[in-house]
Amino acid sequence: MTKPILRSRGWTDSAVRDFLPEPEGLKPNPRFAAIGAPMPVWRPATVASVEATPEWQAWLERSLRRRRTTLEALAETEDVDFRARVEAVSAAIEAEGGAPRDKE
């Protein structure tokens, strides 16, 4: 899963750095294929294991409160393709035992 999808689940750059291991792969950047750096990616199982921890859940709660937002607001988009990817990833993470998306 890429950082834009992680962002829709509440992740920030500092949370990625603090909670996730090194990227498990690299994916070509679809917006800047010719000149863009590859995007780091993580498996849903990896993200699920982190999101299931009390440390992550406490961090997410504080972060959302500090940002005065919700997971629903972070995931809002009119991009149908992105919405479909977010929903597919959310289902995969939940199947692995991660935190449900509607948790605030």
PDB file of N, CA and C in Angstrom:
ATOM      1  N   MET A   1       0.842  -1.154   0.000  1.00  0.00           N
ATOM      2  CA  MET A   1       0.000   0.000   0.000  1.00  0.00           C
ATOM      3  C   MET A   1       0.900   1.232   0.000  1.00  0.00           C
ATOM      4  N   THR A   2       0.477   2.251  -0.700  1.00  0.00           N
ATOM      5  CA  THR A   2       1.276   3.450  -0.885  1.00  0.00           C
ATOM      6  C   THR A   2       0.924   4.518   0.154  1.00  0.00           C
ATOM      7  N   LYS A   3       1.766   5.528   0.239  1.00  0.00           N
ATOM      8  CA  LYS A   3       1.526   6.597   1.206  1.00  0.00           C
ATOM      9  C   LYS A   3       0.197   7.326   1.011  1.00  0.00           C
ATOM     10  N   PRO A   4      -0.257   7.605  -0.240  1.00  0.00           N
ATOM     11  CA  PRO A   4      -1.568   8.268  -0.349  1.00  0.00           C
ATOM     12  C   PRO A   4      -2.688   7.439   0.284  1.00  0.00           C
ATOM     13  N   ILE A   5      -2.632   6.137   0.121  1.00  0.00           N
ATOM     14  CA  ILE A   5      -3.656   5.301   0.748  1.00  0.00           C
ATOM     15  C   ILE A   5      -3.465   5.294   2.253  1.00  0.00           C
ATOM     16  N   LEU A   6      -2.227   5.239   2.716  1.00  0.00           N
ATOM     17  CA  LEU A   6      -1.983   5.305   4.158  1.00  0.00           C
ATOM     18  C   LEU A   6      -2.527   6.614   4.728  1.00  0.00           C
ATOM     19  N   ARG A   7      -2.334   7.715   4.006  1.00  0.00           N
ATOM     20  CA  ARG A   7      -2.842   9.016   4.477  1.00  0.00           C
ATOM     21  C   ARG A   7      -4.359   8.984   4.665  1.00  0.00           C
ATOM     22  N   SER A   8      -5.038   8.290   3.775  1.00  0.00           N
ATOM     23  CA  SER A   8      -6.499   8.210   3.887  1.00  0.00           C
ATOM     24  C   SER A   8      -6.914   7.408   5.119  1.00  0.00           C
ATOM     25  N   ARG A   9      -5.983   6.672   5.707  1.00  0.00           N
ATOM     26  CA  ARG A   9      -6.247   5.891   6.922  1.00  0.00           C
ATOM     27  C   ARG A   9      -5.711   6.602   8.160  1.00  0.00           C
ATOM     28  N   GLY A  10      -5.234   7.850   8.006  1.00  0.00           N
ATOM     29  CA  GLY A  10      -4.783   8.626   9.152  1.00  0.00           C
ATOM     30  C   GLY A  10      -3.286   8.718   9.325  1.00  0.00           C
ATOM     31  N   TRP A  11      -2.539   7.995   8.517  1.00  0.00           N
ATOM     32  CA  TRP A  11      -1.082   8.003   8.633  1.00  0.00           C
ATOM     33  C   TRP A  11      -0.499   9.349   8.204  1.00  0.00           C
ATOM     34  N   THR A  12       0.566   9.752   8.852  1.00  0.00           N
ATOM     35  CA  THR A  12       1.350  10.924   8.465  1.00  0.00           C
ATOM     36  C   THR A  12       2.760  10.435   8.120  1.00  0.00           C
ATOM     37  N   ASP A  13       3.575  11.309   7.542  1.00  0.00           N
ATOM     38  CA  ASP A  13       4.957  10.915   7.244  1.00  0.00           C
ATOM     39  C   ASP A  13       5.697  10.489   8.512  1.00  0.00           C
ATOM     40  N   SER A  14       5.476  11.214   9.606  1.00  0.00           N
ATOM     41  CA  SER A  14       6.171  10.845  10.847  1.00  0.00           C
ATOM     42  C   SER A  14       5.665   9.515  11.394  1.00  0.00           C
ATOM     43  N   ALA A  15       4.367   9.223  11.233  1.00  0.00           N
ATOM     44  CA  ALA A  15       3.841   7.931  11.691  1.00  0.00           C
ATOM     45  C   ALA A  15       4.428   6.794  10.862  1.00  0.00           C
ATOM     46  N   VAL A  16       4.539   6.994   9.561  1.00  0.00           N
ATOM     47  CA  VAL A  16       5.159   5.986   8.703  1.00  0.00           C
ATOM     48  C   VAL A  16       6.577   5.723   9.196  1.00  0.00           C
ATOM     49  N   ARG A  17       7.313   6.769   9.447  1.00  0.00           N
ATOM     50  CA  ARG A  17       8.695   6.639   9.929  1.00  0.00           C
ATOM     51  C   ARG A  17       8.754   5.940  11.285  1.00  0.00           C
ATOM     52  N   ASP A  18       7.842   6.300  12.191  1.00  0.00           N
ATOM     53  CA  ASP A  18       7.907   5.795  13.564  1.00  0.00           C
ATOM     54  C   ASP A  18       7.309   4.403  13.751  1.00  0.00           C
ATOM     55  N   PHE A  19       6.312   4.033  12.936  1.00  0.00           N
ATOM     56  CA  PHE A  19       5.599   2.782  13.182  1.00  0.00           C
ATOM     57  C   PHE A  19       5.870   1.674  12.171  1.00  0.00           C
ATOM     58  N   LEU A  20       6.098   2.011  10.912  1.00  0.00           N
ATOM     59  CA  LEU A  20       6.277   0.980   9.890  1.00  0.00           C
ATOM     60  C   LEU A  20       7.744   0.611   9.714  1.00  0.00           C
ATOM     61  N   PRO A  21       8.005  -0.644   9.313  1.00  0.00           N
ATOM     62  CA  PRO A  21       9.381  -1.019   8.985  1.00  0.00           C
ATOM     63  C   PRO A  21       9.772  -0.379   7.651  1.00  0.00           C
ATOM     64  N   GLU A  22      10.974  -0.666   7.201  1.00  0.00           N
ATOM     65  CA  GLU A  22      11.402  -0.186   5.883  1.00  0.00           C
ATOM     66  C   GLU A  22      10.382  -0.662   4.842  1.00  0.00           C
ATOM     67  N   PRO A  23      10.219   0.072   3.747  1.00  0.00           N
ATOM     68  CA  PRO A  23       9.265  -0.350   2.715  1.00  0.00           C
ATOM     69  C   PRO A  23       9.552  -1.782   2.261  1.00  0.00           C
ATOM     70  N   GLU A  24       8.477  -2.488   1.954  1.00  0.00           N
ATOM     71  CA  GLU A  24       8.598  -3.876   1.519  1.00  0.00           C
ATOM     72  C   GLU A  24       8.729  -3.990   0.008  1.00  0.00           C
ATOM     73  N   GLY A  25       8.689  -2.869  -0.656  1.00  0.00           N
ATOM     74  CA  GLY A  25       8.846  -2.839  -2.100  1.00  0.00           C
ATOM     75  C   GLY A  25       8.759  -1.420  -2.605  1.00  0.00           C
ATOM     76  N   LEU A  26       8.966  -1.261  -3.889  1.00  0.00           N
ATOM     77  CA  LEU A  26       8.846   0.039  -4.554  1.00  0.00           C
ATOM     78  C   LEU A  26       7.933  -0.133  -5.753  1.00  0.00           C
ATOM     79  N   LYS A  27       7.144   0.894  -6.017  1.00  0.00           N
ATOM     80  CA  LYS A  27       6.189   0.873  -7.119  1.00  0.00           C
ATOM     81  C   LYS A  27       6.431   2.116  -7.960  1.00  0.00           C
ATOM     82  N   PRO A  28       6.379   1.999  -9.289  1.00  0.00           N
ATOM     83  CA  PRO A  28       6.551   3.197 -10.132  1.00  0.00           C
ATOM     84  C   PRO A  28       5.497   4.247  -9.788  1.00  0.00           C
ATOM     85  N   ASN A  29       5.903   5.497  -9.827  1.00  0.00           N
ATOM     86  CA  ASN A  29       4.998   6.605  -9.543  1.00  0.00           C
ATOM     87  C   ASN A  29       4.099   6.825 -10.756  1.00  0.00           C
ATOM     88  N   PRO A  30       2.772   6.595 -10.618  1.00  0.00           N
ATOM     89  CA  PRO A  30       1.897   6.713 -11.795  1.00  0.00           C
ATOM     90  C   PRO A  30       1.725   8.136 -12.302  1.00  0.00           C
ATOM     91  N   ARG A  31       1.884   9.120 -11.444  1.00  0.00           N
ATOM     92  CA  ARG A  31       1.703  10.515 -11.886  1.00  0.00           C
ATOM     93  C   ARG A  31       2.926  11.060 -12.593  1.00  0.00           C
ATOM     94  N   PHE A  32       4.087  10.563 -12.202  1.00  0.00           N
ATOM     95  CA  PHE A  32       5.342  11.067 -12.762  1.00  0.00           C
ATOM     96  C   PHE A  32       6.210   9.877 -13.178  1.00  0.00           C
ATOM     97  N   ALA A  33       5.672   9.014 -14.020  1.00  0.00           N
ATOM     98  CA  ALA A  33       6.349   7.764 -14.380  1.00  0.00           C
ATOM     99  C   ALA A  33       7.740   7.991 -14.947  1.00  0.00           C
ATOM    100  N   ALA A  34       7.908   9.016 -15.760  1.00  0.00           N
ATOM    101  CA  ALA A  34       9.199   9.227 -16.419  1.00  0.00           C
ATOM    102  C   ALA A  34      10.245   9.831 -15.489  1.00  0.00           C
ATOM    103  N   ILE A  35       9.814  10.704 -14.566  1.00  0.00           N
ATOM    104  CA  ILE A  35      10.803  11.418 -13.747  1.00  0.00           C
ATOM    105  C   ILE A  35      10.626  11.217 -12.251  1.00  0.00           C
ATOM    106  N   GLY A  36       9.511  10.644 -11.840  1.00  0.00           N
ATOM    107  CA  GLY A  36       9.223  10.513 -10.414  1.00  0.00           C
ATOM    108  C   GLY A  36       9.971   9.368  -9.757  1.00  0.00           C
ATOM    109  N   ALA A  37      10.309   9.574  -8.512  1.00  0.00           N
ATOM    110  CA  ALA A  37      10.946   8.505  -7.742  1.00  0.00           C
ATOM    111  C   ALA A  37       9.915   7.415  -7.468  1.00  0.00           C
ATOM    112  N   PRO A  38      10.357   6.159  -7.392  1.00  0.00           N
ATOM    113  CA  PRO A  38       9.410   5.094  -7.068  1.00  0.00           C
ATOM    114  C   PRO A  38       8.786   5.325  -5.692  1.00  0.00           C
ATOM    115  N   MET A  39       7.552   4.838  -5.530  1.00  0.00           N
ATOM    116  CA  MET A  39       6.837   5.010  -4.265  1.00  0.00           C
ATOM    117  C   MET A  39       7.071   3.787  -3.378  1.00  0.00           C
ATOM    118  N   PRO A  40       7.339   4.019  -2.085  1.00  0.00           N
ATOM    119  CA  PRO A  40       7.474   2.887  -1.170  1.00  0.00           C
ATOM    120  C   PRO A  40       6.113   2.247  -0.927  1.00  0.00           C
ATOM    121  N   VAL A  41       6.085   0.921  -0.753  1.00  0.00           N
ATOM    122  CA  VAL A  41       4.844   0.206  -0.492  1.00  0.00           C
ATOM    123  C   VAL A  41       5.029  -0.796   0.647  1.00  0.00           C
ATOM    124  N   TRP A  42       3.912  -1.080   1.328  1.00  0.00           N
ATOM    125  CA  TRP A  42       3.869  -2.061   2.409  1.00  0.00           C
ATOM    126  C   TRP A  42       2.707  -2.999   2.157  1.00  0.00           C
ATOM    127  N   ARG A  43       2.817  -4.233   2.617  1.00  0.00           N
ATOM    128  CA  ARG A  43       1.735  -5.206   2.493  1.00  0.00           C
ATOM    129  C   ARG A  43       0.624  -4.868   3.486  1.00  0.00           C
ATOM    130  N   PRO A  44      -0.633  -5.181   3.144  1.00  0.00           N
ATOM    131  CA  PRO A  44      -1.732  -4.956   4.083  1.00  0.00           C
ATOM    132  C   PRO A  44      -1.509  -5.650   5.425  1.00  0.00           C
ATOM    133  N   ALA A  45      -0.906  -6.837   5.420  1.00  0.00           N
ATOM    134  CA  ALA A  45      -0.656  -7.555   6.674  1.00  0.00           C
ATOM    135  C   ALA A  45       0.280  -6.772   7.587  1.00  0.00           C
ATOM    136  N   THR A  46       1.259  -6.102   7.000  1.00  0.00           N
ATOM    137  CA  THR A  46       2.191  -5.293   7.787  1.00  0.00           C
ATOM    138  C   THR A  46       1.465  -4.116   8.416  1.00  0.00           C
ATOM    139  N   VAL A  47       0.661  -3.421   7.610  1.00  0.00           N
ATOM    140  CA  VAL A  47      -0.084  -2.274   8.118  1.00  0.00           C
ATOM    141  C   VAL A  47      -1.094  -2.730   9.169  1.00  0.00           C
ATOM    142  N   ALA A  48      -1.756  -3.846   8.914  1.00  0.00           N
ATOM    143  CA  ALA A  48      -2.751  -4.370   9.862  1.00  0.00           C
ATOM    144  C   ALA A  48      -2.124  -4.666  11.214  1.00  0.00           C
ATOM    145  N   SER A  49      -0.931  -5.260  11.199  1.00  0.00           N
ATOM    146  CA  SER A  49      -0.301  -5.597  12.477  1.00  0.00           C
ATOM    147  C   SER A  49       0.048  -4.348  13.274  1.00  0.00           C
ATOM    148  N   VAL A  50       0.451  -3.288  12.587  1.00  0.00           N
ATOM    149  CA  VAL A  50       0.752  -2.030  13.275  1.00  0.00           C
ATOM    150  C   VAL A  50      -0.531  -1.376  13.777  1.00  0.00           C
ATOM    151  N   GLU A  51      -1.553  -1.306  12.917  1.00  0.00           N
ATOM    152  CA  GLU A  51      -2.798  -0.641  13.298  1.00  0.00           C
ATOM    153  C   GLU A  51      -3.536  -1.365  14.425  1.00  0.00           C
ATOM    154  N   ALA A  52      -3.205  -2.618  14.664  1.00  0.00           N
ATOM    155  CA  ALA A  52      -3.850  -3.379  15.737  1.00  0.00           C
ATOM    156  C   ALA A  52      -3.201  -3.140  17.100  1.00  0.00           C
ATOM    157  N   THR A  53      -2.069  -2.440  17.124  1.00  0.00           N
ATOM    158  CA  THR A  53      -1.375  -2.232  18.397  1.00  0.00           C
ATOM    159  C   THR A  53      -2.000  -1.092  19.198  1.00  0.00           C
ATOM    160  N   PRO A  54      -1.967  -1.194  20.520  1.00  0.00           N
ATOM    161  CA  PRO A  54      -2.482  -0.095  21.349  1.00  0.00           C
ATOM    162  C   PRO A  54      -1.718   1.212  21.116  1.00  0.00           C
ATOM    163  N   GLU A  55      -0.417   1.111  20.832  1.00  0.00           N
ATOM    164  CA  GLU A  55       0.388   2.320  20.595  1.00  0.00           C
ATOM    165  C   GLU A  55      -0.113   3.077  19.366  1.00  0.00           C
ATOM    166  N   TRP A  56      -0.360   2.344  18.278  1.00  0.00           N
ATOM    167  CA  TRP A  56      -0.862   2.978  17.062  1.00  0.00           C
ATOM    168  C   TRP A  56      -2.237   3.591  17.307  1.00  0.00           C
ATOM    169  N   GLN A  57      -3.126   2.839  17.926  1.00  0.00           N
ATOM    170  CA  GLN A  57      -4.481   3.321  18.148  1.00  0.00           C
ATOM    171  C   GLN A  57      -4.500   4.571  19.025  1.00  0.00           C
ATOM    172  N   ALA A  58      -3.641   4.621  20.038  1.00  0.00           N
ATOM    173  CA  ALA A  58      -3.549   5.815  20.883  1.00  0.00           C
ATOM    174  C   ALA A  58      -2.998   6.985  20.074  1.00  0.00           C
ATOM    175  N   TRP A  59      -1.961   6.723  19.259  1.00  0.00           N
ATOM    176  CA  TRP A  59      -1.391   7.778  18.431  1.00  0.00           C
ATOM    177  C   TRP A  59      -2.442   8.315  17.465  1.00  0.00           C
ATOM    178  N   LEU A  60      -3.184   7.412  16.798  1.00  0.00           N
ATOM    179  CA  LEU A  60      -4.184   7.840  15.822  1.00  0.00           C
ATOM    180  C   LEU A  60      -5.258   8.706  16.476  1.00  0.00           C
ATOM    181  N   GLU A  61      -5.722   8.291  17.628  1.00  0.00           N
ATOM    182  CA  GLU A  61      -6.742   9.076  18.331  1.00  0.00           C
ATOM    183  C   GLU A  61      -6.232  10.478  18.640  1.00  0.00           C
ATOM    184  N   ARG A  62      -5.023  10.585  19.172  1.00  0.00           N
ATOM    185  CA  ARG A  62      -4.443  11.909  19.474  1.00  0.00           C
ATOM    186  C   ARG A  62      -4.237  12.716  18.197  1.00  0.00           C
ATOM    187  N   SER A  63      -3.754  12.062  17.147  1.00  0.00           N
ATOM    188  CA  SER A  63      -3.474  12.751  15.897  1.00  0.00           C
ATOM    189  C   SER A  63      -4.745  13.306  15.270  1.00  0.00           C
ATOM    190  N   LEU A  64      -5.801  12.509  15.226  1.00  0.00           N
ATOM    191  CA  LEU A  64      -7.057  12.984  14.639  1.00  0.00           C
ATOM    192  C   LEU A  64      -7.635  14.139  15.452  1.00  0.00           C
ATOM    193  N   ARG A  65      -7.539  14.033  16.768  1.00  0.00           N
ATOM    194  CA  ARG A  65      -8.043  15.118  17.624  1.00  0.00           C
ATOM    195  C   ARG A  65      -7.235  16.393  17.374  1.00  0.00           C
ATOM    196  N   ARG A  66      -5.913  16.254  17.303  1.00  0.00           N
ATOM    197  CA  ARG A  66      -5.045  17.413  17.085  1.00  0.00           C
ATOM    198  C   ARG A  66      -5.316  18.051  15.720  1.00  0.00           C
ATOM    199  N   ARG A  67      -5.569  17.228  14.710  1.00  0.00           N
ATOM    200  CA  ARG A  67      -5.835  17.732  13.361  1.00  0.00           C
ATOM    201  C   ARG A  67      -7.294  18.151  13.176  1.00  0.00           C
ATOM    202  N   ARG A  68      -8.116  17.880  14.195  1.00  0.00           N
ATOM    203  CA  ARG A  68      -9.550  18.193  14.138  1.00  0.00           C
ATOM    204  C   ARG A  68     -10.192  17.599  12.884  1.00  0.00           C
ATOM    205  N   THR A  69      -9.984  16.293  12.720  1.00  0.00           N
ATOM    206  CA  THR A  69     -10.544  15.607  11.569  1.00  0.00           C
ATOM    207  C   THR A  69     -10.950  14.195  11.956  1.00  0.00           C
ATOM    208  N   THR A  70     -11.488  13.474  10.998  1.00  0.00           N
ATOM    209  CA  THR A  70     -11.882  12.085  11.191  1.00  0.00           C
ATOM    210  C   THR A  70     -11.295  11.259  10.052  1.00  0.00           C
ATOM    211  N   LEU A  71     -11.311   9.944  10.222  1.00  0.00           N
ATOM    212  CA  LEU A  71     -10.849   9.081   9.135  1.00  0.00           C
ATOM    213  C   LEU A  71     -11.757   9.241   7.914  1.00  0.00           C
ATOM    214  N   GLU A  72     -13.028   9.424   8.157  1.00  0.00           N
ATOM    215  CA  GLU A  72     -13.953   9.601   7.037  1.00  0.00           C
ATOM    216  C   GLU A  72     -13.583  10.842   6.225  1.00  0.00           C
ATOM    217  N   ALA A  73     -13.273  11.929   6.898  1.00  0.00           N
ATOM    218  CA  ALA A  73     -12.897  13.159   6.193  1.00  0.00           C
ATOM    219  C   ALA A  73     -11.591  12.979   5.434  1.00  0.00           C
ATOM    220  N   LEU A  74     -10.638  12.257   6.011  1.00  0.00           N
ATOM    221  CA  LEU A  74      -9.360  12.039   5.335  1.00  0.00           C
ATOM    222  C   LEU A  74      -9.516  11.186   4.083  1.00  0.00           C
ATOM    223  N   ALA A  75     -10.490  10.296   4.088  1.00  0.00           N
ATOM    224  CA  ALA A  75     -10.686   9.390   2.955  1.00  0.00           C
ATOM    225  C   ALA A  75     -11.624   9.944   1.892  1.00  0.00           C
ATOM    226  N   GLU A  76     -12.229  11.119   2.134  1.00  0.00           N
ATOM    227  CA  GLU A  76     -13.152  11.689   1.152  1.00  0.00           C
ATOM    228  C   GLU A  76     -12.416  12.040  -0.134  1.00  0.00           C
ATOM    229  N   THR A  77     -13.010  11.651  -1.244  1.00  0.00           N
ATOM    230  CA  THR A  77     -12.454  11.976  -2.549  1.00  0.00           C
ATOM    231  C   THR A  77     -13.522  11.782  -3.607  1.00  0.00           C
ATOM    232  N   GLU A  78     -13.398  12.521  -4.682  1.00  0.00           N
ATOM    233  CA  GLU A  78     -14.291  12.327  -5.815  1.00  0.00           C
ATOM    234  C   GLU A  78     -13.642  11.448  -6.875  1.00  0.00           C
ATOM    235  N   ASP A  79     -12.395  11.059  -6.644  1.00  0.00           N
ATOM    236  CA  ASP A  79     -11.666  10.184  -7.564  1.00  0.00           C
ATOM    237  C   ASP A  79     -12.147   8.750  -7.348  1.00  0.00           C
ATOM    238  N   VAL A  80     -12.963   8.265  -8.263  1.00  0.00           N
ATOM    239  CA  VAL A  80     -13.584   6.954  -8.126  1.00  0.00           C
ATOM    240  C   VAL A  80     -12.530   5.848  -8.069  1.00  0.00           C
ATOM    241  N   ASP A  81     -11.485   5.954  -8.875  1.00  0.00           N
ATOM    242  CA  ASP A  81     -10.434   4.933  -8.875  1.00  0.00           C
ATOM    243  C   ASP A  81      -9.710   4.895  -7.532  1.00  0.00           C
ATOM    244  N   PHE A  82      -9.384   6.063  -6.990  1.00  0.00           N
ATOM    245  CA  PHE A  82      -8.705   6.107  -5.696  1.00  0.00           C
ATOM    246  C   PHE A  82      -9.623   5.560  -4.606  1.00  0.00           C
ATOM    247  N   ARG A  83     -10.891   5.936  -4.631  1.00  0.00           N
ATOM    248  CA  ARG A  83     -11.865   5.442  -3.653  1.00  0.00           C
ATOM    249  C   ARG A  83     -11.910   3.911  -3.692  1.00  0.00           C
ATOM    250  N   ALA A  84     -11.914   3.333  -4.882  1.00  0.00           N
ATOM    251  CA  ALA A  84     -11.947   1.869  -5.016  1.00  0.00           C
ATOM    252  C   ALA A  84     -10.691   1.241  -4.425  1.00  0.00           C
ATOM    253  N   ARG A  85      -9.530   1.862  -4.663  1.00  0.00           N
ATOM    254  CA  ARG A  85      -8.278   1.339  -4.085  1.00  0.00           C
ATOM    255  C   ARG A  85      -8.298   1.439  -2.570  1.00  0.00           C
ATOM    256  N   VAL A  86      -8.773   2.561  -2.030  1.00  0.00           N
ATOM    257  CA  VAL A  86      -8.856   2.736  -0.577  1.00  0.00           C
ATOM    258  C   VAL A  86      -9.761   1.671   0.032  1.00  0.00           C
ATOM    259  N   GLU A  87     -10.912   1.444  -0.576  1.00  0.00           N
ATOM    260  CA  GLU A  87     -11.844   0.449  -0.046  1.00  0.00           C
ATOM    261  C   GLU A  87     -11.266  -0.960  -0.119  1.00  0.00           C
ATOM    262  N   ALA A  88     -10.568  -1.284  -1.205  1.00  0.00           N
ATOM    263  CA  ALA A  88      -9.955  -2.609  -1.338  1.00  0.00           C
ATOM    264  C   ALA A  88      -8.864  -2.813  -0.291  1.00  0.00           C
ATOM    265  N   VAL A  89      -8.046  -1.793  -0.094  1.00  0.00           N
ATOM    266  CA  VAL A  89      -6.986  -1.887   0.903  1.00  0.00           C
ATOM    267  C   VAL A  89      -7.576  -1.980   2.303  1.00  0.00           C
ATOM    268  N   SER A  90      -8.596  -1.195   2.579  1.00  0.00           N
ATOM    269  CA  SER A  90      -9.236  -1.238   3.896  1.00  0.00           C
ATOM    270  C   SER A  90      -9.775  -2.636   4.186  1.00  0.00           C
ATOM    271  N   ALA A  91     -10.408  -3.248   3.198  1.00  0.00           N
ATOM    272  CA  ALA A  91     -10.932  -4.608   3.375  1.00  0.00           C
ATOM    273  C   ALA A  91      -9.798  -5.595   3.628  1.00  0.00           C
ATOM    274  N   ALA A  92      -8.687  -5.447   2.911  1.00  0.00           N
ATOM    275  CA  ALA A  92      -7.546  -6.351   3.097  1.00  0.00           C
ATOM    276  C   ALA A  92      -6.936  -6.181   4.485  1.00  0.00           C
ATOM    277  N   ILE A  93      -6.835  -4.951   4.949  1.00  0.00           N
ATOM    278  CA  ILE A  93      -6.272  -4.696   6.273  1.00  0.00           C
ATOM    279  C   ILE A  93      -7.181  -5.265   7.351  1.00  0.00           C
ATOM    280  N   GLU A  94      -8.473  -5.030   7.219  1.00  0.00           N
ATOM    281  CA  GLU A  94      -9.416  -5.558   8.208  1.00  0.00           C
ATOM    282  C   GLU A  94      -9.397  -7.082   8.222  1.00  0.00           C
ATOM    283  N   ALA A  95      -9.241  -7.716   7.053  1.00  0.00           N
ATOM    284  CA  ALA A  95      -9.166  -9.173   6.981  1.00  0.00           C
ATOM    285  C   ALA A  95      -7.925  -9.701   7.697  1.00  0.00           C
ATOM    286  N   GLU A  96      -6.877  -8.894   7.746  1.00  0.00           N
ATOM    287  CA  GLU A  96      -5.643  -9.272   8.421  1.00  0.00           C
ATOM    288  C   GLU A  96      -5.690  -8.978   9.919  1.00  0.00           C
ATOM    289  N   GLY A  97      -6.766  -8.352  10.371  1.00  0.00           N
ATOM    290  CA  GLY A  97      -6.894  -8.068  11.800  1.00  0.00           C
ATOM    291  C   GLY A  97      -6.539  -6.650  12.197  1.00  0.00           C
ATOM    292  N   GLY A  98      -6.448  -5.741  11.223  1.00  0.00           N
ATOM    293  CA  GLY A  98      -6.150  -4.345  11.533  1.00  0.00           C
ATOM    294  C   GLY A  98      -7.361  -3.613  12.056  1.00  0.00           C
ATOM    295  N   ALA A  99      -7.148  -2.374  12.431  1.00  0.00           N
ATOM    296  CA  ALA A  99      -8.226  -1.538  12.973  1.00  0.00           C
ATOM    297  C   ALA A  99      -9.251  -1.249  11.897  1.00  0.00           C
ATOM    298  N   PRO A 100     -10.543  -1.311  12.225  1.00  0.00           N
ATOM    299  CA  PRO A 100     -11.569  -0.950  11.247  1.00  0.00           C
ATOM    300  C   PRO A 100     -11.471   0.504  10.854  1.00  0.00           C
ATOM    301  N   ARG A 101     -11.827   0.830   9.612  1.00  0.00           N
ATOM    302  CA  ARG A 101     -11.718   2.194   9.113  1.00  0.00           C
ATOM    303  C   ARG A 101     -12.611   3.177   9.836  1.00  0.00           C
ATOM    304  N   ASP A 102     -13.763   2.733  10.317  1.00  0.00           N
ATOM    305  CA  ASP A 102     -14.686   3.692  10.900  1.00  0.00           C
ATOM    306  C   ASP A 102     -14.366   4.021  12.340  1.00  0.00           C
ATOM    307  N   LYS A 103     -13.268   3.489  12.876  1.00  0.00           N
ATOM    308  CA  LYS A 103     -12.876   3.814  14.247  1.00  0.00           C
ATOM    309  C   LYS A 103     -12.337   5.239  14.285  1.00  0.00           C
ATOM    310  N   GLU A 104     -12.780   6.027  15.241  1.00  0.00           N
ATOM    311  CA  GLU A 104     -12.297   7.413  15.346  1.00  0.00           C
ATOM    312  C   GLU A 104     -11.382   7.542  16.529  1.00  0.00           C
TER     313      GLU A 104
END
